[in-house]
PDB file of N, CA and C in Angstrom:
ATOM      1  N   MET A   1       4.647  -6.807   3.558  1.00  0.00           N
ATOM      2  CA  MET A   1       5.187  -8.039   4.100  1.00  0.00           C
ATOM      3  C   MET A   1       6.151  -7.707   5.230  1.00  0.00           C
ATOM      4  N   GLU A   2       6.009  -8.402   6.359  1.00  0.00           N
ATOM      5  CA  GLU A   2       6.889  -8.190   7.491  1.00  0.00           C
ATOM      6  C   GLU A   2       8.235  -8.849   7.239  1.00  0.00           C
ATOM      7  N   ASP A   3       9.255  -8.306   7.878  1.00  0.00           N
ATOM      8  CA  ASP A   3      10.574  -8.910   7.785  1.00  0.00           C
ATOM      9  C   ASP A   3      10.591 -10.202   8.583  1.00  0.00           C
ATOM     10  N   PRO A   4      11.331 -11.199   8.098  1.00  0.00           N
ATOM     11  CA  PRO A   4      11.465 -12.435   8.886  1.00  0.00           C
ATOM     12  C   PRO A   4      12.180 -12.124  10.208  1.00  0.00           C
ATOM     13  N   LEU A   5      11.854 -12.876  11.230  1.00  0.00           N
ATOM     14  CA  LEU A   5      12.455 -12.661  12.539  1.00  0.00           C
ATOM     15  C   LEU A   5      13.750 -13.443  12.678  1.00  0.00           C
ATOM     16  N   ARG A   6      14.683 -12.866  13.396  1.00  0.00           N
ATOM     17  CA  ARG A   6      15.935 -13.562  13.690  1.00  0.00           C
ATOM     18  C   ARG A   6      15.772 -14.258  15.042  1.00  0.00           C
ATOM     19  N   TYR A   7      16.193 -15.501  15.089  1.00  0.00           N
ATOM     20  CA  TYR A   7      16.145 -16.280  16.316  1.00  0.00           C
ATOM     21  C   TYR A   7      17.552 -16.712  16.687  1.00  0.00           C
ATOM     22  N   ARG A   8      17.821 -16.732  17.989  1.00  0.00           N
ATOM     23  CA  ARG A   8      19.113 -17.194  18.495  1.00  0.00           C
ATOM     24  C   ARG A   8      18.917 -18.604  19.035  1.00  0.00           C
ATOM     25  N   ILE A   9      19.858 -19.478  18.716  1.00  0.00           N
ATOM     26  CA  ILE A   9      19.793 -20.863  19.191  1.00  0.00           C
ATOM     27  C   ILE A   9      20.211 -20.895  20.657  1.00  0.00           C
ATOM     28  N   ASN A  10      19.318 -21.400  21.512  1.00  0.00           N
ATOM     29  CA  ASN A  10      19.598 -21.503  22.943  1.00  0.00           C
ATOM     30  C   ASN A  10      20.048 -22.900  23.344  1.00  0.00           C
ATOM     31  N   GLN A  11      19.553 -23.907  22.625  1.00  0.00           N
ATOM     32  CA  GLN A  11      19.857 -25.285  23.000  1.00  0.00           C
ATOM     33  C   GLN A  11      19.759 -26.175  21.778  1.00  0.00           C
ATOM     34  N   ILE A  12      20.631 -27.177  21.708  1.00  0.00           N
ATOM     35  CA  ILE A  12      20.592 -28.180  20.639  1.00  0.00           C
ATOM     36  C   ILE A  12      20.542 -29.549  21.292  1.00  0.00           C
ATOM     37  N   THR A  13      19.592 -30.385  20.849  1.00  0.00           N
ATOM     38  CA  THR A  13      19.495 -31.761  21.317  1.00  0.00           C
ATOM     39  C   THR A  13      19.638 -32.666  20.101  1.00  0.00           C
ATOM     40  N   ASP A  14      20.660 -33.510  20.124  1.00  0.00           N
ATOM     41  CA  ASP A  14      20.961 -34.389  18.991  1.00  0.00           C
ATOM     42  C   ASP A  14      20.680 -35.824  19.402  1.00  0.00           C
ATOM     43  N   SER A  15      19.645 -36.434  18.781  1.00  0.00           N
ATOM     44  CA  SER A  15      19.294 -37.818  19.105  1.00  0.00           C
ATOM     45  C   SER A  15      19.966 -38.811  18.165  1.00  0.00           C
ATOM     46  N   GLY A  16      20.774 -38.324  17.259  1.00  0.00           N
ATOM     47  CA  GLY A  16      21.428 -39.191  16.286  1.00  0.00           C
ATOM     48  C   GLY A  16      20.705 -39.164  14.955  1.00  0.00           C
ATOM     49  N   ILE A  17      19.386 -39.338  14.984  1.00  0.00           N
ATOM     50  CA  ILE A  17      18.582 -39.313  13.762  1.00  0.00           C
ATOM     51  C   ILE A  17      18.020 -37.915  13.528  1.00  0.00           C
ATOM     52  N   ASN A  18      17.511 -37.314  14.601  1.00  0.00           N
ATOM     53  CA  ASN A  18      16.929 -35.973  14.533  1.00  0.00           C
ATOM     54  C   ASN A  18      17.725 -34.995  15.385  1.00  0.00           C
ATOM     55  N   VAL A  19      17.613 -33.724  15.031  1.00  0.00           N
ATOM     56  CA  VAL A  19      18.236 -32.653  15.805  1.00  0.00           C
ATOM     57  C   VAL A  19      17.126 -31.680  16.185  1.00  0.00           C
ATOM     58  N   SER A  20      17.047 -31.328  17.469  1.00  0.00           N
ATOM     59  CA  SER A  20      16.063 -30.360  17.943  1.00  0.00           C
ATOM     60  C   SER A  20      16.783 -29.086  18.340  1.00  0.00           C
ATOM     61  N   LEU A  21      16.250 -27.968  17.866  1.00  0.00           N
ATOM     62  CA  LEU A  21      16.802 -26.660  18.193  1.00  0.00           C
ATOM     63  C   LEU A  21      15.775 -25.897  19.017  1.00  0.00           C
ATOM     64  N   THR A  22      16.192 -25.317  20.114  1.00  0.00           N
ATOM     65  CA  THR A  22      15.337 -24.430  20.890  1.00  0.00           C
ATOM     66  C   THR A  22      15.816 -23.013  20.617  1.00  0.00           C
ATOM     67  N   LEU A  23      14.909 -22.176  20.095  1.00  0.00           N
ATOM     68  CA  LEU A  23      15.256 -20.830  19.642  1.00  0.00           C
ATOM     69  C   LEU A  23      14.439 -19.795  20.393  1.00  0.00           C
ATOM     70  N   SER A  24      15.009 -18.613  20.564  1.00  0.00           N
ATOM     71  CA  SER A  24      14.251 -17.477  21.081  1.00  0.00           C
ATOM     72  C   SER A  24      14.554 -16.282  20.197  1.00  0.00           C
ATOM     73  N   GLU A  25      13.616 -15.359  20.163  1.00  0.00           N
ATOM     74  CA  GLU A  25      13.803 -14.171  19.331  1.00  0.00           C
ATOM     75  C   GLU A  25      15.097 -13.481  19.713  1.00  0.00           C
ATOM     76  N   ASP A  26      15.869 -13.094  18.712  1.00  0.00           N
ATOM     77  CA  ASP A  26      17.139 -12.418  18.948  1.00  0.00           C
ATOM     78  C   ASP A  26      16.886 -10.919  18.990  1.00  0.00           C
ATOM     79  N   LEU A  27      16.527 -10.448  20.176  1.00  0.00           N
ATOM     80  CA  LEU A  27      16.216  -9.037  20.368  1.00  0.00           C
ATOM     81  C   LEU A  27      17.179  -8.444  21.371  1.00  0.00           C
ATOM     82  N   GLU A  28      17.571  -7.220  21.123  1.00  0.00           N
ATOM     83  CA  GLU A  28      18.346  -6.504  22.121  1.00  0.00           C
ATOM     84  C   GLU A  28      17.396  -5.526  22.772  1.00  0.00           C
ATOM     85  N   LEU A  29      17.129  -5.780  24.041  1.00  0.00           N
ATOM     86  CA  LEU A  29      16.187  -4.954  24.771  1.00  0.00           C
ATOM     87  C   LEU A  29      16.923  -4.023  25.706  1.00  0.00           C
ATOM     88  N   GLU A  30      16.446  -2.826  25.775  1.00  0.00           N
ATOM     89  CA  GLU A  30      16.977  -1.880  26.756  1.00  0.00           C
ATOM     90  C   GLU A  30      16.175  -2.081  28.022  1.00  0.00           C
ATOM     91  N   THR A  31      16.867  -2.342  29.119  1.00  0.00           N
ATOM     92  CA  THR A  31      16.150  -2.511  30.372  1.00  0.00           C
ATOM     93  C   THR A  31      15.649  -1.158  30.845  1.00  0.00           C
ATOM     94  N   VAL A  32      14.492  -1.188  31.463  1.00  0.00           N
ATOM     95  CA  VAL A  32      13.833   0.036  31.912  1.00  0.00           C
ATOM     96  C   VAL A  32      13.594  -0.106  33.411  1.00  0.00           C
ATOM     97  N   SER A  33      13.852   0.945  34.164  1.00  0.00           N
ATOM     98  CA  SER A  33      13.620   0.886  35.609  1.00  0.00           C
ATOM     99  C   SER A  33      12.139   1.111  35.898  1.00  0.00           C
ATOM    100  N   GLN A  34      11.711   0.577  37.041  1.00  0.00           N
ATOM    101  CA  GLN A  34      10.330   0.811  37.459  1.00  0.00           C
ATOM    102  C   GLN A  34      10.096   2.302  37.652  1.00  0.00           C
ATOM    103  N   GLN A  35      11.118   3.004  38.148  1.00  0.00           N
ATOM    104  CA  GLN A  35      11.010   4.450  38.351  1.00  0.00           C
ATOM    105  C   GLN A  35      10.692   5.146  37.036  1.00  0.00           C
ATOM    106  N   GLN A  36      11.413   4.774  35.981  1.00  0.00           N
ATOM    107  CA  GLN A  36      11.191   5.393  34.676  1.00  0.00           C
ATOM    108  C   GLN A  36       9.776   5.099  34.166  1.00  0.00           C
ATOM    109  N   LEU A  37       9.313   3.866  34.320  1.00  0.00           N
ATOM    110  CA  LEU A  37       7.965   3.502  33.878  1.00  0.00           C
ATOM    111  C   LEU A  37       6.904   4.291  34.643  1.00  0.00           C
ATOM    112  N   MET A  38       7.103   4.455  35.950  1.00  0.00           N
ATOM    113  CA  MET A  38       6.133   5.186  36.759  1.00  0.00           C
ATOM    114  C   MET A  38       6.097   6.664  36.379  1.00  0.00           C
ATOM    115  N   LEU A  39       7.256   7.266  36.172  1.00  0.00           N
ATOM    116  CA  LEU A  39       7.296   8.684  35.796  1.00  0.00           C
ATOM    117  C   LEU A  39       6.657   8.905  34.430  1.00  0.00           C
ATOM    118  N   GLU A  40       6.892   7.992  33.493  1.00  0.00           N
ATOM    119  CA  GLU A  40       6.266   8.111  32.171  1.00  0.00           C
ATOM    120  C   GLU A  40       4.757   7.983  32.273  1.00  0.00           C
ATOM    121  N   SER A  41       4.293   7.083  33.139  1.00  0.00           N
ATOM    122  CA  SER A  41       2.859   6.903  33.338  1.00  0.00           C
ATOM    123  C   SER A  41       2.234   8.158  33.933  1.00  0.00           C
ATOM    124  N   ILE A  42       2.904   8.746  34.899  1.00  0.00           N
ATOM    125  CA  ILE A  42       2.408   9.974  35.516  1.00  0.00           C
ATOM    126  C   ILE A  42       2.379  11.105  34.496  1.00  0.00           C
ATOM    127  N   ASP A  43       3.401  11.192  33.651  1.00  0.00           N
ATOM    128  CA  ASP A  43       3.426  12.223  32.606  1.00  0.00           C
ATOM    129  C   ASP A  43       2.227  12.106  31.668  1.00  0.00           C
ATOM    130  N   ARG A  44       1.794  10.871  31.405  1.00  0.00           N
ATOM    131  CA  ARG A  44       0.642  10.668  30.521  1.00  0.00           C
ATOM    132  C   ARG A  44      -0.671  11.036  31.217  1.00  0.00           C
ATOM    133  N   VAL A  45      -0.748  10.768  32.520  1.00  0.00           N
ATOM    134  CA  VAL A  45      -1.996  10.978  33.257  1.00  0.00           C
ATOM    135  C   VAL A  45      -2.213  12.451  33.604  1.00  0.00           C
ATOM    136  N   ILE A  46      -1.148  13.108  34.052  1.00  0.00           N
ATOM    137  CA  ILE A  46      -1.278  14.514  34.452  1.00  0.00           C
ATOM    138  C   ILE A  46      -1.044  15.378  33.219  1.00  0.00           C
ATOM    139  N   THR A  47      -2.094  16.057  32.796  1.00  0.00           N
ATOM    140  CA  THR A  47      -1.994  16.858  31.574  1.00  0.00           C
ATOM    141  C   THR A  47      -1.675  18.322  31.845  1.00  0.00           C
ATOM    142  N   ASP A  48      -1.968  18.793  33.044  1.00  0.00           N
ATOM    143  CA  ASP A  48      -1.709  20.184  33.396  1.00  0.00           C
ATOM    144  C   ASP A  48      -0.219  20.377  33.658  1.00  0.00           C
ATOM    145  N   LYS A  49       0.437  21.218  32.860  1.00  0.00           N
ATOM    146  CA  LYS A  49       1.890  21.403  32.949  1.00  0.00           C
ATOM    147  C   LYS A  49       2.305  21.949  34.308  1.00  0.00           C
ATOM    148  N   GLU A  50       1.539  22.877  34.844  1.00  0.00           N
ATOM    149  CA  GLU A  50       1.881  23.473  36.141  1.00  0.00           C
ATOM    150  C   GLU A  50       1.850  22.423  37.255  1.00  0.00           C
ATOM    151  N   VAL A  51       0.814  21.604  37.260  1.00  0.00           N
ATOM    152  CA  VAL A  51       0.702  20.538  38.260  1.00  0.00           C
ATOM    153  C   VAL A  51       1.838  19.532  38.075  1.00  0.00           C
ATOM    154  N   LYS A  52       2.112  19.184  36.832  1.00  0.00           N
ATOM    155  CA  LYS A  52       3.181  18.226  36.527  1.00  0.00           C
ATOM    156  C   LYS A  52       4.536  18.752  37.025  1.00  0.00           C
ATOM    157  N   ASP A  53       4.789  20.055  36.802  1.00  0.00           N
ATOM    158  CA  ASP A  53       6.051  20.659  37.238  1.00  0.00           C
ATOM    159  C   ASP A  53       6.188  20.671  38.761  1.00  0.00           C
ATOM    160  N   GLN A  54       5.067  20.711  39.469  1.00  0.00           N
ATOM    161  CA  GLN A  54       5.101  20.704  40.938  1.00  0.00           C
ATOM    162  C   GLN A  54       5.232  19.284  41.486  1.00  0.00           C
ATOM    163  N   VAL A  55       4.539  18.331  40.863  1.00  0.00           N
ATOM    164  CA  VAL A  55       4.483  16.957  41.381  1.00  0.00           C
ATOM    165  C   VAL A  55       5.715  16.138  41.002  1.00  0.00           C
ATOM    166  N   ARG A  56       6.206  16.318  39.802  1.00  0.00           N
ATOM    167  CA  ARG A  56       7.298  15.464  39.308  1.00  0.00           C
ATOM    168  C   ARG A  56       8.559  15.492  40.193  1.00  0.00           C
ATOM    169  N   PRO A  57       9.057  16.665  40.635  1.00  0.00           N
ATOM    170  CA  PRO A  57      10.255  16.655  41.482  1.00  0.00           C
ATOM    171  C   PRO A  57      10.052  15.881  42.800  1.00  0.00           C
ATOM    172  N   ILE A  58       8.853  15.981  43.361  1.00  0.00           N
ATOM    173  CA  ILE A  58       8.552  15.250  44.604  1.00  0.00           C
ATOM    174  C   ILE A  58       8.573  13.745  44.338  1.00  0.00           C
ATOM    175  N   LEU A  59       7.926  13.334  43.256  1.00  0.00           N
ATOM    176  CA  LEU A  59       7.905  11.907  42.914  1.00  0.00           C
ATOM    177  C   LEU A  59       9.304  11.383  42.600  1.00  0.00           C
ATOM    178  N   GLU A  60      10.082  12.162  41.878  1.00  0.00           N
ATOM    179  CA  GLU A  60      11.450  11.738  41.564  1.00  0.00           C
ATOM    180  C   GLU A  60      12.252  11.542  42.841  1.00  0.00           C
ATOM    181  N   ALA A  61      12.091  12.437  43.809  1.00  0.00           N
ATOM    182  CA  ALA A  61      12.804  12.320  45.076  1.00  0.00           C
ATOM    183  C   ALA A  61      12.382  11.061  45.831  1.00  0.00           C
ATOM    184  N   ILE A  62      11.087  10.803  45.863  1.00  0.00           N
ATOM    185  CA  ILE A  62      10.578   9.607  46.556  1.00  0.00           C
ATOM    186  C   ILE A  62      11.070   8.341  45.852  1.00  0.00           C
ATOM    187  N   LEU A  63      10.926   8.300  44.524  1.00  0.00           N
ATOM    188  CA  LEU A  63      11.291   7.099  43.773  1.00  0.00           C
ATOM    189  C   LEU A  63      12.793   6.852  43.767  1.00  0.00           C
ATOM    190  N   SER A  64      13.597   7.917  43.778  1.00  0.00           N
ATOM    191  CA  SER A  64      15.047   7.718  43.740  1.00  0.00           C
ATOM    192  C   SER A  64      15.580   7.114  45.029  1.00  0.00           C
ATOM    193  N   SER A  65      14.815   7.229  46.119  1.00  0.00           N
ATOM    194  CA  SER A  65      15.252   6.637  47.387  1.00  0.00           C
ATOM    195  C   SER A  65      14.911   5.146  47.457  1.00  0.00           C
ATOM    196  N   GLN A  66      14.107   4.662  46.542  1.00  0.00           N
ATOM    197  CA  GLN A  66      13.713   3.256  46.519  1.00  0.00           C
ATOM    198  C   GLN A  66      14.726   2.444  45.723  1.00  0.00           C
ATOM    199  N   PRO A  67      14.900   1.151  46.075  1.00  0.00           N
ATOM    200  CA  PRO A  67      15.789   0.302  45.260  1.00  0.00           C
ATOM    201  C   PRO A  67      15.254   0.192  43.835  1.00  0.00           C
ATOM    202  N   GLN A  68      16.158   0.195  42.876  1.00  0.00           N
ATOM    203  CA  GLN A  68      15.760   0.154  41.466  1.00  0.00           C
ATOM    204  C   GLN A  68      15.593  -1.298  40.995  1.00  0.00           C
ATOM    205  N   THR A  69      14.490  -1.559  40.342  1.00  0.00           N
ATOM    206  CA  THR A  69      14.235  -2.861  39.738  1.00  0.00           C
ATOM    207  C   THR A  69      14.175  -2.649  38.241  1.00  0.00           C
ATOM    208  N   LEU A  70      15.031  -3.381  37.503  1.00  0.00           N
ATOM    209  CA  LEU A  70      15.036  -3.253  36.048  1.00  0.00           C
ATOM    210  C   LEU A  70      14.018  -4.217  35.457  1.00  0.00           C
ATOM    211  N   VAL A  71      13.326  -3.757  34.431  1.00  0.00           N
ATOM    212  CA  VAL A  71      12.237  -4.515  33.823  1.00  0.00           C
ATOM    213  C   VAL A  71      12.515  -4.660  32.336  1.00  0.00           C
ATOM    214  N   LYS A  72      12.330  -5.867  31.811  1.00  0.00           N
ATOM    215  CA  LYS A  72      12.341  -6.047  30.359  1.00  0.00           C
ATOM    216  C   LYS A  72      10.903  -5.939  29.907  1.00  0.00           C
ATOM    217  N   THR A  73      10.683  -5.169  28.874  1.00  0.00           N
ATOM    218  CA  THR A  73       9.307  -4.836  28.516  1.00  0.00           C
ATOM    219  C   THR A  73       8.787  -5.637  27.327  1.00  0.00           C
ATOM    220  N   TYR A  74       9.358  -6.806  27.052  1.00  0.00           N
ATOM    221  CA  TYR A  74       8.921  -7.569  25.897  1.00  0.00           C
ATOM    222  C   TYR A  74       8.956  -9.049  26.219  1.00  0.00           C
ATOM    223  N   ALA A  75       7.874  -9.749  25.966  1.00  0.00           N
ATOM    224  CA  ALA A  75       7.842 -11.199  26.179  1.00  0.00           C
ATOM    225  C   ALA A  75       8.379 -11.885  24.934  1.00  0.00           C
ATOM    226  N   GLU A  76       9.386 -12.716  25.127  1.00  0.00           N
ATOM    227  CA  GLU A  76      10.011 -13.380  23.977  1.00  0.00           C
ATOM    228  C   GLU A  76       9.148 -14.512  23.437  1.00  0.00           C
ATOM    229  N   THR A  77       9.280 -14.754  22.149  1.00  0.00           N
ATOM    230  CA  THR A  77       8.690 -15.922  21.513  1.00  0.00           C
ATOM    231  C   THR A  77       9.761 -16.999  21.477  1.00  0.00           C
ATOM    232  N   ILE A  78       9.400 -18.191  21.899  1.00  0.00           N
ATOM    233  CA  ILE A  78      10.343 -19.312  21.874  1.00  0.00           C
ATOM    234  C   ILE A  78       9.793 -20.370  20.932  1.00  0.00           C
ATOM    235  N   VAL A  79      10.669 -20.906  20.093  1.00  0.00           N
ATOM    236  CA  VAL A  79      10.281 -21.893  19.085  1.00  0.00           C
ATOM    237  C   VAL A  79      11.181 -23.107  19.233  1.00  0.00           C
ATOM    238  N   GLN A  80      10.598 -24.284  19.116  1.00  0.00           N
ATOM    239  CA  GLN A  80      11.412 -25.497  19.092  1.00  0.00           C
ATOM    240  C   GLN A  80      11.171 -26.197  17.761  1.00  0.00           C
ATOM    241  N   ILE A  81      12.258 -26.530  17.085  1.00  0.00           N
ATOM    242  CA  ILE A  81      12.185 -27.174  15.775  1.00  0.00           C
ATOM    243  C   ILE A  81      12.935 -28.489  15.844  1.00  0.00           C
ATOM    244  N   THR A  82      12.292 -29.545  15.373  1.00  0.00           N
ATOM    245  CA  THR A  82      12.965 -30.840  15.253  1.00  0.00           C
ATOM    246  C   THR A  82      13.038 -31.169  13.783  1.00  0.00           C
ATOM    247  N   MET A  83      14.239 -31.529  13.317  1.00  0.00           N
ATOM    248  CA  MET A  83      14.436 -31.820  11.902  1.00  0.00           C
ATOM    249  C   MET A  83      15.363 -33.008  11.740  1.00  0.00           C
ATOM    250  N   PRO A  84      15.300 -33.657  10.576  1.00  0.00           N
ATOM    251  CA  PRO A  84      16.246 -34.746  10.322  1.00  0.00           C
ATOM    252  C   PRO A  84      17.679 -34.206  10.322  1.00  0.00           C
ATOM    253  N   ARG A  85      18.597 -35.031  10.782  1.00  0.00           N
ATOM    254  CA  ARG A  85      20.006 -34.642  10.848  1.00  0.00           C
ATOM    255  C   ARG A  85      20.491 -34.122   9.502  1.00  0.00           C
ATOM    256  N   ARG A  86      20.077 -34.716   8.409  1.00  0.00           N
ATOM    257  CA  ARG A  86      20.538 -34.314   7.075  1.00  0.00           C
ATOM    258  C   ARG A  86      20.159 -32.849   6.764  1.00  0.00           C
ATOM    259  N   ARG A  87      18.919 -32.478   7.097  1.00  0.00           N
ATOM    260  CA  ARG A  87      18.489 -31.102   6.870  1.00  0.00           C
ATOM    261  C   ARG A  87      19.291 -30.144   7.751  1.00  0.00           C
ATOM    262  N   TYR A  88      19.539 -30.532   9.001  1.00  0.00           N
ATOM    263  CA  TYR A  88      20.338 -29.721   9.912  1.00  0.00           C
ATOM    264  C   TYR A  88      21.735 -29.482   9.328  1.00  0.00           C
ATOM    265  N   GLU A  89      22.308 -30.508   8.751  1.00  0.00           N
ATOM    266  CA  GLU A  89      23.635 -30.367   8.146  1.00  0.00           C
ATOM    267  C   GLU A  89      23.581 -29.488   6.896  1.00  0.00           C
ATOM    268  N   LYS A  90      22.463 -29.553   6.143  1.00  0.00           N
ATOM    269  CA  LYS A  90      22.317 -28.728   4.940  1.00  0.00           C
ATOM    270  C   LYS A  90      22.235 -27.234   5.258  1.00  0.00           C
ATOM    271  N   ILE A  91      21.749 -26.888   6.450  1.00  0.00           N
ATOM    272  CA  ILE A  91      21.691 -25.468   6.805  1.00  0.00           C
ATOM    273  C   ILE A  91      22.981 -25.021   7.496  1.00  0.00           C
ATOM    274  N   GLY A  92      23.981 -25.866   7.470  1.00  0.00           N
ATOM    275  CA  GLY A  92      25.302 -25.460   7.972  1.00  0.00           C
ATOM    276  C   GLY A  92      25.598 -25.864   9.407  1.00  0.00           C
ATOM    277  N   SER A  93      24.818 -26.759   9.985  1.00  0.00           N
ATOM    278  CA  SER A  93      25.016 -27.230  11.361  1.00  0.00           C
ATOM    279  C   SER A  93      25.253 -26.073  12.342  1.00  0.00           C
ATOM    280  N   PRO A  94      24.294 -25.167  12.474  1.00  0.00           N
ATOM    281  CA  PRO A  94      24.485 -24.024  13.373  1.00  0.00           C
ATOM    282  C   PRO A  94      24.663 -24.474  14.822  1.00  0.00           C
ATOM    283  N   ARG A  95      25.364 -23.658  15.587  1.00  0.00           N
ATOM    284  CA  ARG A  95      25.669 -23.958  16.986  1.00  0.00           C
ATOM    285  C   ARG A  95      24.921 -23.005  17.928  1.00  0.00           C
ATOM    286  N   VAL A  96      24.928 -23.345  19.215  1.00  0.00           N
ATOM    287  CA  VAL A  96      24.299 -22.506  20.233  1.00  0.00           C
ATOM    288  C   VAL A  96      24.901 -21.107  20.172  1.00  0.00           C
ATOM    289  N   GLY A  97      24.039 -20.103  20.206  1.00  0.00           N
ATOM    290  CA  GLY A  97      24.467 -18.712  20.152  1.00  0.00           C
ATOM    291  C   GLY A  97      24.400 -18.123  18.758  1.00  0.00           C
ATOM    292  N   GLU A  98      24.381 -18.963  17.735  1.00  0.00           N
ATOM    293  CA  GLU A  98      24.288 -18.462  16.368  1.00  0.00           C
ATOM    294  C   GLU A  98      22.841 -18.075  16.057  1.00  0.00           C
ATOM    295  N   GLN A  99      22.673 -17.304  14.992  1.00  0.00           N
ATOM    296  CA  GLN A  99      21.355 -16.833  14.594  1.00  0.00           C
ATOM    297  C   GLN A  99      20.817 -17.656  13.436  1.00  0.00           C
ATOM    298  N   LEU A 100      19.496 -17.778  13.405  1.00  0.00           N
ATOM    299  CA  LEU A 100      18.784 -18.354  12.269  1.00  0.00           C
ATOM    300  C   LEU A 100      17.716 -17.352  11.860  1.00  0.00           C
ATOM    301  N   LEU A 101      17.480 -17.253  10.581  1.00  0.00           N
ATOM    302  CA  LEU A 101      16.441 -16.397  10.057  1.00  0.00           C
ATOM    303  C   LEU A 101      15.244 -17.286   9.726  1.00  0.00           C
ATOM    304  N   ILE A 102      14.100 -17.003  10.349  1.00  0.00           N
ATOM    305  CA  ILE A 102      12.916 -17.843  10.173  1.00  0.00           C
ATOM    306  C   ILE A 102      11.767 -16.972   9.726  1.00  0.00           C
ATOM    307  N   ASP A 103      11.060 -17.421   8.707  1.00  0.00           N
ATOM    308  CA  ASP A 103       9.918 -16.685   8.184  1.00  0.00           C
ATOM    309  C   ASP A 103       8.658 -17.468   8.535  1.00  0.00           C
ATOM    310  N   ILE A 104       7.927 -16.995   9.540  1.00  0.00           N
ATOM    311  CA  ILE A 104       6.705 -17.663   9.961  1.00  0.00           C
ATOM    312  C   ILE A 104       5.532 -16.755   9.607  1.00  0.00           C
ATOM    313  N   ARG A 105       4.663 -17.236   8.762  1.00  0.00           N
ATOM    314  CA  ARG A 105       3.485 -16.446   8.395  1.00  0.00           C
ATOM    315  C   ARG A 105       2.424 -17.366   7.821  1.00  0.00           C
ATOM    316  N   LYS A 106       1.221 -16.884   7.818  1.00  0.00           N
ATOM    317  CA  LYS A 106       0.097 -17.624   7.255  1.00  0.00           C
ATOM    318  C   LYS A 106       0.143 -17.449   5.736  1.00  0.00           C
ATOM    319  N   PRO A 107       0.015 -18.536   4.988  1.00  0.00           N
ATOM    320  CA  PRO A 107       0.059 -18.418   3.530  1.00  0.00           C
ATOM    321  C   PRO A 107      -1.158 -17.705   2.958  1.00  0.00           C
TER     322      PRO A 107
END
């Protein structure tokens, strides 16, 4: 069984009767530079160690002169839940920035 995912509340809309929560996965991602991704890709493609040792310093020099673009390597899942105000209050009336634990799976 997989662990339930933690979601962070990004937005709350209160219509008086219902409360809608917009949530996104609460993940801490390490940003990765395009340079790092390219060097890792080259390391996978070039299998000959001697060739890799000759090519890598040249590529590092070329790539280090380019502006760095940071990339997040994970697409977030976003969930919107609308519930009666009473149920929202029963779960403790969470606020924006707080976490919710949600278990989504096929029965």
